[in-house]
Amino acid sequence: MKRFSLLLVCSFACLFAQAQLFTTPFFKGAYYDLQGIKHTGLLYFTPISATLRFKEKEEDKVQKIDIALLQSIVVNGSKDSLVVLSYEGKVERKYLGKLIATSPVRKFFCKYEPVGGGSPMMSIGATANPGARGSSPSFSNTYTWSSRNYYGLKTVYMYEEGNSTYELKRGNYVEILSRDLSDKPELVKLIADKKLRYGDLGSIFERYMGVAEPQTGKK
């Protein structure tokens, strides 16, 4: 009986998630084109989208716009605005990134990448987010691109260099952060002493921006 009840709950969760997939939730917001012109209306996208779905009014036909034609996207009432960035010096490889820190030397961003075939959804309110294969959908109550609200996504931290962005990796993060965050010597010392490690990148940037105290010791 208990096994049957669990199976029933999982079945309803899957059906709810599938229903969300076929009902695209548009939200009020705007995008800025390459000329910096603001276009206000209804839009839909995910953290890993290559296109933006947009319409000025509810009854209008949906336009599919390549993110390479955009500067940024903003959703009304959200924490985040996302900017369109180039990946690893490749102009043709565009992605949606979130600005997380600005130092006197450069800007830092984060991007999101799928893990295990996940297909996350943008959500405001109690919306089901389909997860990776074999996992249950997650539910988010606040609009955000934070990966903790999505199954099947990982956060990748990037640093700006010229007109492109590059990934902070285990082999380069100590050198780059020690140099570029040098206006916070106490934080740099924690990085140099390996009290803050590669797995603490999120906490490092939060500490640098004065958002929260870091958690140390992650490998």
Protein backbone atom coordinates (compact mmCIF):
# COMPACT_ATOMS: atom_id res chain seq x y z
CA MET A 1 0.00 0.00 0.00
CA LYS A 2 2.78 2.41 0.94
CA ARG A 3 4.61 1.58 -2.28
CA PHE A 4 1.43 2.22 -4.30
CA SER A 5 0.90 5.60 -2.60
CA LEU A 6 4.47 6.65 -3.36
CA LEU A 7 4.03 5.60 -6.99
CA LEU A 8 0.79 7.60 -7.20
CA VAL A 9 2.45 10.75 -5.82
CA CYS A 10 5.34 10.43 -8.28
CA SER A 11 2.88 9.95 -11.15
CA PHE A 12 0.99 13.13 -10.26
CA ALA A 13 4.27 15.05 -9.94
CA CYS A 14 5.36 13.92 -13.40
CA LEU A 15 2.00 14.81 -14.92
CA PHE A 16 2.13 18.27 -13.31
CA ALA A 17 5.64 18.85 -14.62
CA GLN A 18 4.62 17.78 -18.12
CA ALA A 19 1.63 20.12 -18.02
CA GLN A 20 3.99 22.97 -17.19
CA LEU A 21 6.10 22.08 -20.21
CA PHE A 22 3.15 22.53 -22.55
CA THR A 23 1.95 25.75 -20.86
CA THR A 24 4.71 28.27 -21.45
CA PRO A 25 4.58 30.90 -18.66
CA PHE A 26 5.21 34.37 -20.07
CA PHE A 27 6.17 37.15 -17.67
CA LYS A 28 6.18 40.91 -17.89
CA GLY A 29 9.59 42.33 -18.65
CA ALA A 30 11.80 43.80 -21.31
CA TYR A 31 14.84 43.17 -23.43
CA TYR A 32 17.46 45.56 -24.78
CA ASP A 33 18.60 45.07 -28.37
CA LEU A 34 22.12 45.65 -29.70
CA GLN A 35 21.35 49.35 -30.21
CA GLY A 36 20.32 49.68 -26.56
CA ILE A 37 16.63 50.13 -27.39
CA LYS A 38 14.26 48.79 -24.73
CA HIS A 39 11.40 46.51 -25.86
CA THR A 40 8.70 45.99 -23.22
CA GLY A 41 6.19 43.17 -23.22
CA LEU A 42 5.84 39.51 -22.25
CA LEU A 43 8.78 37.14 -22.40
CA TYR A 44 9.92 33.62 -21.67
CA PHE A 45 13.36 32.01 -21.51
CA THR A 46 15.45 29.67 -19.35
CA PRO A 47 18.97 30.08 -17.91
CA ILE A 48 20.34 28.01 -20.79
CA SER A 49 18.20 29.51 -23.56
CA ALA A 50 19.65 30.33 -26.97
CA THR A 51 16.48 32.19 -27.87
CA LEU A 52 14.05 34.56 -26.20
CA ARG A 53 10.32 34.17 -26.76
CA PHE A 54 8.68 37.60 -26.82
CA LYS A 55 5.36 39.25 -27.55
CA GLU A 56 4.23 42.81 -26.83
CA LYS A 57 0.70 41.80 -25.81
CA GLU A 58 -0.96 38.58 -24.72
CA GLU A 59 -2.85 38.21 -28.00
CA ASP A 60 0.19 38.85 -30.20
CA LYS A 61 2.10 36.17 -32.07
CA VAL A 62 5.23 34.93 -30.29
CA GLN A 63 8.56 36.11 -31.70
CA LYS A 64 11.65 33.91 -31.30
CA ILE A 65 14.73 36.11 -30.96
CA ASP A 66 18.30 34.78 -30.94
CA ILE A 67 20.09 36.00 -27.80
CA ALA A 68 23.01 37.07 -30.03
CA LEU A 69 20.75 39.97 -31.06
CA LEU A 70 20.25 41.12 -27.45
CA GLN A 71 22.23 43.03 -24.83
CA SER A 72 20.22 42.03 -21.78
CA ILE A 73 16.90 40.71 -20.42
CA VAL A 74 14.97 41.97 -17.40
CA VAL A 75 11.87 40.42 -15.78
CA ASN A 76 9.65 42.73 -13.71
CA GLY A 77 9.77 42.00 -9.99
CA SER A 78 12.78 39.68 -10.24
CA LYS A 79 16.09 39.75 -8.44
CA ASP A 80 18.10 39.36 -11.56
CA SER A 81 18.73 40.86 -14.94
CA LEU A 82 20.75 38.78 -17.36
CA VAL A 83 23.26 40.02 -19.89
CA VAL A 84 24.34 38.36 -23.12
CA LEU A 85 28.04 37.45 -23.05
CA SER A 86 30.61 35.71 -25.25
CA TYR A 87 32.20 32.47 -24.06
CA GLU A 88 35.96 31.85 -24.08
CA GLY A 89 36.71 34.43 -26.80
CA LYS A 90 34.29 32.85 -29.28
CA VAL A 91 32.00 35.56 -30.63
CA GLU A 92 29.55 32.99 -31.98
CA ARG A 93 29.13 31.33 -28.55
CA LYS A 94 26.69 33.51 -26.64
CA TYR A 95 25.10 32.79 -23.27
CA LEU A 96 22.95 34.46 -20.63
CA GLY A 97 25.03 35.48 -17.63
CA LYS A 98 24.36 37.14 -14.31
CA LEU A 99 26.70 39.82 -12.93
CA ILE A 100 27.78 38.71 -9.45
CA ALA A 101 30.75 40.95 -8.59
CA THR A 102 32.64 44.00 -9.81
CA SER A 103 36.20 44.72 -8.67
CA PRO A 104 38.42 47.68 -9.62
CA VAL A 105 40.03 45.37 -12.18
CA ARG A 106 37.20 43.41 -13.79
CA LYS A 107 33.66 42.03 -13.62
CA PHE A 108 32.66 38.50 -12.68
CA PHE A 109 29.60 36.62 -13.89
CA CYS A 110 27.97 33.24 -13.48
CA LYS A 111 26.34 31.08 -16.11
CA TYR A 112 24.39 27.87 -15.87
CA GLU A 113 24.99 24.56 -17.60
CA PRO A 114 22.81 21.45 -17.74
CA VAL A 115 23.77 18.34 -15.79
CA GLY A 116 22.36 14.96 -16.73
CA GLY A 117 19.97 16.26 -19.37
CA GLY A 118 18.01 18.63 -17.13
CA SER A 119 15.55 21.05 -18.72
CA PRO A 120 14.77 23.79 -16.18
CA MET A 121 11.98 26.32 -16.46
CA MET A 122 11.72 29.96 -15.50
CA SER A 123 9.29 30.24 -12.61
CA ILE A 124 7.50 32.71 -10.38
CA GLY A 125 5.36 31.19 -7.66
CA ALA A 126 4.85 27.47 -7.10
CA THR A 127 5.87 26.13 -10.50
CA ALA A 128 7.24 22.67 -11.21
CA ASN A 129 10.70 22.59 -12.72
CA PRO A 130 11.43 19.33 -14.58
CA GLY A 131 14.67 17.77 -13.43
CA ALA A 132 17.29 15.45 -14.78
CA ARG A 133 16.24 11.99 -15.90
CA GLY A 134 15.06 9.89 -13.02
CA SER A 135 14.63 12.81 -10.59
CA SER A 136 11.48 14.46 -9.29
CA PRO A 137 10.60 18.01 -10.32
CA SER A 138 11.65 20.80 -7.97
CA PHE A 139 9.37 23.62 -6.88
CA SER A 140 10.40 27.25 -6.60
CA ASN A 141 8.52 30.02 -4.79
CA THR A 142 10.73 32.91 -5.84
CA TYR A 143 11.80 34.03 -9.30
CA THR A 144 15.55 33.54 -9.54
CA TRP A 145 18.23 31.94 -11.67
CA SER A 146 20.02 30.51 -8.65
CA SER A 147 20.89 26.91 -9.45
CA ARG A 148 19.62 25.70 -6.08
CA ASN A 149 16.08 26.07 -7.46
CA TYR A 150 16.75 23.79 -10.41
CA TYR A 151 17.56 20.15 -10.74
CA GLY A 152 19.91 19.43 -13.62
CA LEU A 153 21.85 22.73 -13.52
CA LYS A 154 25.28 23.69 -12.25
CA THR A 155 26.72 27.16 -11.69
CA VAL A 156 29.84 28.11 -13.64
CA TYR A 157 31.78 31.22 -12.59
CA MET A 158 33.27 33.44 -15.28
CA TYR A 159 35.64 36.42 -15.37
CA GLU A 160 35.67 39.22 -17.91
CA GLU A 161 38.70 39.62 -20.16
CA GLY A 162 38.48 42.14 -23.01
CA ASN A 163 35.25 41.61 -24.93
CA SER A 164 34.69 38.06 -23.72
CA THR A 165 34.44 35.96 -20.56
CA TYR A 166 36.44 32.95 -19.43
CA GLU A 167 35.82 30.22 -16.88
CA LEU A 168 37.34 30.30 -13.43
CA LYS A 169 38.92 26.86 -13.07
CA ARG A 170 40.73 24.96 -10.35
CA GLY A 171 44.03 25.76 -12.04
CA ASN A 172 43.54 29.53 -12.36
CA TYR A 173 41.13 30.78 -9.70
CA VAL A 174 43.73 31.42 -6.97
CA GLU A 175 45.96 33.54 -9.22
CA ILE A 176 43.08 35.50 -10.76
CA LEU A 177 41.15 36.18 -7.56
CA SER A 178 44.26 36.99 -5.52
CA ARG A 179 45.14 39.65 -8.09
CA ASP A 180 41.70 41.00 -8.95
CA LEU A 181 40.19 41.03 -5.46
CA SER A 182 43.28 42.58 -3.88
CA ASP A 183 41.26 45.48 -2.48
CA LYS A 184 39.98 42.92 0.07
CA PRO A 185 43.29 41.60 1.47
CA GLU A 186 41.67 39.56 4.24
CA LEU A 187 39.62 37.67 1.69
CA VAL A 188 42.66 37.14 -0.55
CA LYS A 189 44.55 35.68 2.41
CA LEU A 190 41.78 33.15 3.02
CA ILE A 191 42.04 32.10 -0.63
CA ALA A 192 45.85 31.91 -0.55
CA ASP A 193 45.78 29.87 2.69
CA LYS A 194 43.23 27.49 1.10
CA LYS A 195 40.67 28.24 3.77
CA LEU A 196 38.43 29.20 0.88
CA ARG A 197 38.70 26.78 -2.01
CA TYR A 198 37.37 26.29 -5.52
CA GLY A 199 34.11 24.89 -4.16
CA ASP A 200 33.64 28.13 -2.21
CA LEU A 201 33.55 30.45 -5.24
CA GLY A 202 29.95 31.45 -4.56
CA SER A 203 30.79 32.32 -0.96
CA ILE A 204 33.94 34.18 -2.04
CA PHE A 205 31.96 36.51 -4.29
CA GLU A 206 29.24 36.99 -1.68
CA ARG A 207 31.90 37.93 0.88
CA TYR A 208 33.59 40.28 -1.59
CA MET A 209 30.30 42.07 -2.30
CA GLY A 210 29.42 42.15 1.38
CA VAL A 211 26.38 39.90 0.95
CA ALA A 212 27.22 37.11 3.41
CA GLU A 213 29.95 35.47 5.43
CA PRO A 214 31.70 32.63 3.58
CA GLN A 215 31.55 28.94 4.34
CA THR A 216 35.04 27.51 4.28
CA GLY A 217 36.58 24.15 3.70
CA LYS A 218 34.85 22.91 0.55
CA LYS A 219 37.08 21.03 -1.84
